Amino acid sequence: MIKIICGGKGAGKTKQIIQAANSNVANAKGLSVFITDTKRYMYDIVRDVRFIDVNDYVVAGEDAFCGFVKGIVAGNHDTEYVYIDGIARITGKALPDLAATFYMLDKIAGDSGLIITITCSCEKENLPDFIAKYC
């Protein structure tokens, strides 16, 4: 399952995804992973959520990012929640160009029983159809 948190710049998307990660970890039966491209929010995430800055792993592009997420799931079969803050920044592509990434994330989520929450810097009415269906 994929969930989308969307809104313009400064709308509080990162605050919402951090709050979701911190509150869901108490009831999670498996692991929770928070993926972003900055260490800025490292101390806002509770200890029980695995914080990953993709810059530490030289993840470049959407194919590398999808492989990175697959690796997380393969390494920890009990991963239950994945939070991705700023997918366009991480992949280096604009939202309309991320159809293949969302297809792959949807497949990963379905095959593994993951709940993936993603922030997108775009107003809901302007989201591409392949993203809007998750709102």
C-alpha atoms as a PDB file:
ATOM      1  CA  MET A   1       0.000   0.000   0.000  1.00  0.00           C
ATOM      2  CA  ILE A   2       1.249   3.466  -0.844  1.00  0.00           C
ATOM      3  CA  LYS A   3       0.124   6.623   0.935  1.00  0.00           C
ATOM      4  CA  ILE A   4       0.885  10.119  -0.325  1.00  0.00           C
ATOM      5  CA  ILE A   5       1.443  13.295   1.679  1.00  0.00           C
ATOM      6  CA  CYS A   6       1.353  16.181  -0.755  1.00  0.00           C
ATOM      7  CA  GLY A   7       1.385  19.946  -0.697  1.00  0.00           C
ATOM      8  CA  GLY A   8       3.387  22.929  -1.797  1.00  0.00           C
ATOM      9  CA  LYS A   9       6.714  24.010  -0.372  1.00  0.00           C
ATOM     10  CA  GLY A  10       6.347  24.902   3.305  1.00  0.00           C
ATOM     11  CA  ALA A  11       3.044  23.039   3.719  1.00  0.00           C
ATOM     12  CA  GLY A  12       4.387  20.842   6.532  1.00  0.00           C
ATOM     13  CA  LYS A  13       4.793  17.574   4.613  1.00  0.00           C
ATOM     14  CA  THR A  14       8.001  16.595   6.396  1.00  0.00           C
ATOM     15  CA  LYS A  15       6.456  17.334   9.776  1.00  0.00           C
ATOM     16  CA  GLN A  16       3.478  15.101   8.868  1.00  0.00           C
ATOM     17  CA  ILE A  17       5.619  12.177   7.705  1.00  0.00           C
ATOM     18  CA  ILE A  18       7.839  12.417  10.800  1.00  0.00           C
ATOM     19  CA  GLN A  19       4.746  12.432  13.009  1.00  0.00           C
ATOM     20  CA  ALA A  20       3.369   9.394  11.141  1.00  0.00           C
ATOM     21  CA  ALA A  21       6.638   7.495  11.523  1.00  0.00           C
ATOM     22  CA  ASN A  22       6.926   8.303  15.208  1.00  0.00           C
ATOM     23  CA  SER A  23       3.321   7.407  16.028  1.00  0.00           C
ATOM     24  CA  ASN A  24       3.130   4.191  13.954  1.00  0.00           C
ATOM     25  CA  VAL A  25       6.265   2.690  15.476  1.00  0.00           C
ATOM     26  CA  ALA A  26       4.488   2.056  18.788  1.00  0.00           C
ATOM     27  CA  ASN A  27       1.979  -0.290  17.114  1.00  0.00           C
ATOM     28  CA  ALA A  28       4.257  -1.730  14.441  1.00  0.00           C
ATOM     29  CA  LYS A  29       4.871  -5.457  14.501  1.00  0.00           C
ATOM     30  CA  GLY A  30       7.856  -5.102  12.162  1.00  0.00           C
ATOM     31  CA  LEU A  31      10.546  -2.573  11.340  1.00  0.00           C
ATOM     32  CA  SER A  32       9.972   1.039  10.331  1.00  0.00           C
ATOM     33  CA  VAL A  33      12.411   2.788   7.998  1.00  0.00           C
ATOM     34  CA  PHE A  34      12.610   6.530   7.270  1.00  0.00           C
ATOM     35  CA  ILE A  35      14.437   7.430   4.040  1.00  0.00           C
ATOM     36  CA  THR A  36      15.456  10.966   3.137  1.00  0.00           C
ATOM     37  CA  ASP A  37      18.334  12.876   1.584  1.00  0.00           C
ATOM     38  CA  THR A  38      19.399  14.968   4.574  1.00  0.00           C
ATOM     39  CA  LYS A  39      20.413  14.450   8.178  1.00  0.00           C
ATOM     40  CA  ARG A  40      18.442  17.534   9.192  1.00  0.00           C
ATOM     41  CA  TYR A  41      15.589  15.564  10.770  1.00  0.00           C
ATOM     42  CA  MET A  42      17.654  12.724  12.232  1.00  0.00           C
ATOM     43  CA  TYR A  43      16.930  13.708  15.817  1.00  0.00           C
ATOM     44  CA  ASP A  44      13.210  14.251  15.196  1.00  0.00           C
ATOM     45  CA  ILE A  45      12.731  10.550  14.434  1.00  0.00           C
ATOM     46  CA  VAL A  46      12.353   8.233  17.437  1.00  0.00           C
ATOM     47  CA  ARG A  47      15.080   5.652  17.994  1.00  0.00           C
ATOM     48  CA  ASP A  48      12.953   2.692  17.002  1.00  0.00           C
ATOM     49  CA  VAL A  49      12.631   3.986  13.426  1.00  0.00           C
ATOM     50  CA  ARG A  50      15.658   3.242  11.235  1.00  0.00           C
ATOM     51  CA  PHE A  51      16.797   6.599   9.805  1.00  0.00           C
ATOM     52  CA  ILE A  52      18.572   6.439   6.436  1.00  0.00           C
ATOM     53  CA  ASP A  53      20.142   9.344   4.562  1.00  0.00           C
ATOM     54  CA  VAL A  54      20.528   8.064   0.979  1.00  0.00           C
ATOM     55  CA  ASN A  55      23.519  10.361   0.491  1.00  0.00           C
ATOM     56  CA  ASP A  56      25.490   8.026   2.760  1.00  0.00           C
ATOM     57  CA  TYR A  57      24.967   5.249   0.183  1.00  0.00           C
ATOM     58  CA  VAL A  58      25.450   7.242  -3.046  1.00  0.00           C
ATOM     59  CA  VAL A  59      21.956   6.474  -4.342  1.00  0.00           C
ATOM     60  CA  ALA A  60      21.695   8.256  -7.688  1.00  0.00           C
ATOM     61  CA  GLY A  61      18.599   8.045  -9.873  1.00  0.00           C
ATOM     62  CA  GLU A  62      15.318   6.225  -9.759  1.00  0.00           C
ATOM     63  CA  ASP A  63      16.664   2.778 -10.659  1.00  0.00           C
ATOM     64  CA  ALA A  64      19.259   2.963  -7.898  1.00  0.00           C
ATOM     65  CA  PHE A  65      16.614   4.159  -5.458  1.00  0.00           C
ATOM     66  CA  CYS A  66      14.225   1.296  -6.279  1.00  0.00           C
ATOM     67  CA  GLY A  67      17.108  -1.143  -5.883  1.00  0.00           C
ATOM     68  CA  PHE A  68      17.953   0.477  -2.561  1.00  0.00           C
ATOM     69  CA  VAL A  69      14.388  -0.014  -1.265  1.00  0.00           C
ATOM     70  CA  LYS A  70      14.416  -3.621  -2.515  1.00  0.00           C
ATOM     71  CA  GLY A  71      17.662  -4.156  -0.620  1.00  0.00           C
ATOM     72  CA  ILE A  72      16.124  -2.837   2.590  1.00  0.00           C
ATOM     73  CA  VAL A  73      13.201  -5.226   2.235  1.00  0.00           C
ATOM     74  CA  ALA A  74      15.433  -8.164   1.264  1.00  0.00           C
ATOM     75  CA  GLY A  75      17.720  -7.545   4.227  1.00  0.00           C
ATOM     76  CA  ASN A  76      14.858  -7.237   6.714  1.00  0.00           C
ATOM     77  CA  HIS A  77      11.844  -9.374   5.829  1.00  0.00           C
ATOM     78  CA  ASP A  78       9.962  -7.974   8.806  1.00  0.00           C
ATOM     79  CA  THR A  79       9.992  -4.401   7.446  1.00  0.00           C
ATOM     80  CA  GLU A  80       6.443  -3.088   7.817  1.00  0.00           C
ATOM     81  CA  TYR A  81       6.620   0.675   7.201  1.00  0.00           C
ATOM     82  CA  VAL A  82       8.788   2.670   4.799  1.00  0.00           C
ATOM     83  CA  TYR A  83       8.653   6.467   4.879  1.00  0.00           C
ATOM     84  CA  ILE A  84      10.168   8.364   1.941  1.00  0.00           C
ATOM     85  CA  ASP A  85      10.591  12.108   2.404  1.00  0.00           C
ATOM     86  CA  GLY A  86      11.109  13.951  -0.883  1.00  0.00           C
ATOM     87  CA  ILE A  87      11.064  11.285  -3.570  1.00  0.00           C
ATOM     88  CA  ALA A  88      11.675  13.814  -6.369  1.00  0.00           C
ATOM     89  CA  ARG A  89      14.773  15.183  -4.597  1.00  0.00           C
ATOM     90  CA  ILE A  90      16.102  11.705  -3.872  1.00  0.00           C
ATOM     91  CA  THR A  91      15.684  10.425  -7.446  1.00  0.00           C
ATOM     92  CA  GLY A  92      16.655  13.690  -9.106  1.00  0.00           C
ATOM     93  CA  LYS A  93      13.568  13.626 -11.318  1.00  0.00           C
ATOM     94  CA  ALA A  94      10.371  15.637 -11.537  1.00  0.00           C
ATOM     95  CA  LEU A  95       7.190  13.981 -10.247  1.00  0.00           C
ATOM     96  CA  PRO A  96       5.649  13.504 -13.735  1.00  0.00           C
ATOM     97  CA  ASP A  97       8.737  11.475 -14.711  1.00  0.00           C
ATOM     98  CA  LEU A  98       8.469   8.998 -11.819  1.00  0.00           C
ATOM     99  CA  ALA A  99       5.813   6.618 -13.171  1.00  0.00           C
ATOM    100  CA  ALA A 100       8.242   3.680 -13.295  1.00  0.00           C
ATOM    101  CA  THR A 101       9.376   4.376  -9.728  1.00  0.00           C
ATOM    102  CA  PHE A 102       5.822   4.426  -8.393  1.00  0.00           C
ATOM    103  CA  TYR A 103       5.003   1.260 -10.326  1.00  0.00           C
ATOM    104  CA  MET A 104       8.006  -0.487  -8.757  1.00  0.00           C
ATOM    105  CA  LEU A 105       7.268   0.823  -5.243  1.00  0.00           C
ATOM    106  CA  ASP A 106       3.668  -0.341  -5.586  1.00  0.00           C
ATOM    107  CA  LYS A 107       4.889  -3.792  -6.632  1.00  0.00           C
ATOM    108  CA  ILE A 108       7.361  -3.937  -3.732  1.00  0.00           C
ATOM    109  CA  ALA A 109       4.638  -2.868  -1.284  1.00  0.00           C
ATOM    110  CA  GLY A 110       2.161  -5.411  -2.629  1.00  0.00           C
ATOM    111  CA  ASP A 111       4.614  -8.303  -2.692  1.00  0.00           C
ATOM    112  CA  SER A 112       6.014  -7.561   0.769  1.00  0.00           C
ATOM    113  CA  GLY A 113       2.946  -6.261   2.602  1.00  0.00           C
ATOM    114  CA  LEU A 114       4.652  -2.901   3.177  1.00  0.00           C
ATOM    115  CA  ILE A 115       2.985   0.393   3.879  1.00  0.00           C
ATOM    116  CA  ILE A 116       4.988   3.040   2.030  1.00  0.00           C
ATOM    117  CA  THR A 117       4.335   6.697   2.817  1.00  0.00           C
ATOM    118  CA  ILE A 118       5.802   9.250   0.401  1.00  0.00           C
ATOM    119  CA  THR A 119       5.937  13.048   0.428  1.00  0.00           C
ATOM    120  CA  CYS A 120       5.442  14.856  -2.881  1.00  0.00           C
ATOM    121  CA  SER A 121       5.961  18.594  -3.324  1.00  0.00           C
ATOM    122  CA  CYS A 122       2.879  19.269  -5.387  1.00  0.00           C
ATOM    123  CA  GLU A 123      -0.676  20.313  -4.705  1.00  0.00           C
ATOM    124  CA  LYS A 124      -3.117  17.396  -4.770  1.00  0.00           C
ATOM    125  CA  GLU A 125      -4.996  18.640  -7.817  1.00  0.00           C
ATOM    126  CA  ASN A 126      -1.731  18.893  -9.809  1.00  0.00           C
ATOM    127  CA  LEU A 127      -0.426  15.397  -9.038  1.00  0.00           C
ATOM    128  CA  PRO A 128       0.063  13.071 -12.004  1.00  0.00           C
ATOM    129  CA  ASP A 129      -2.677  10.404 -12.220  1.00  0.00           C
ATOM    130  CA  PHE A 130      -0.283   7.580 -11.330  1.00  0.00           C
ATOM    131  CA  ILE A 131       0.409   9.322  -7.994  1.00  0.00           C
ATOM    132  CA  ALA A 132      -3.056  10.825  -7.374  1.00  0.00           C
ATOM    133  CA  LYS A 133      -4.611   7.350  -7.219  1.00  0.00           C
ATOM    134  CA  TYR A 134      -2.812   6.803  -3.888  1.00  0.00           C
ATOM    135  CA  CYS A 135      -4.284   9.910  -2.207  1.00  0.00           C
END
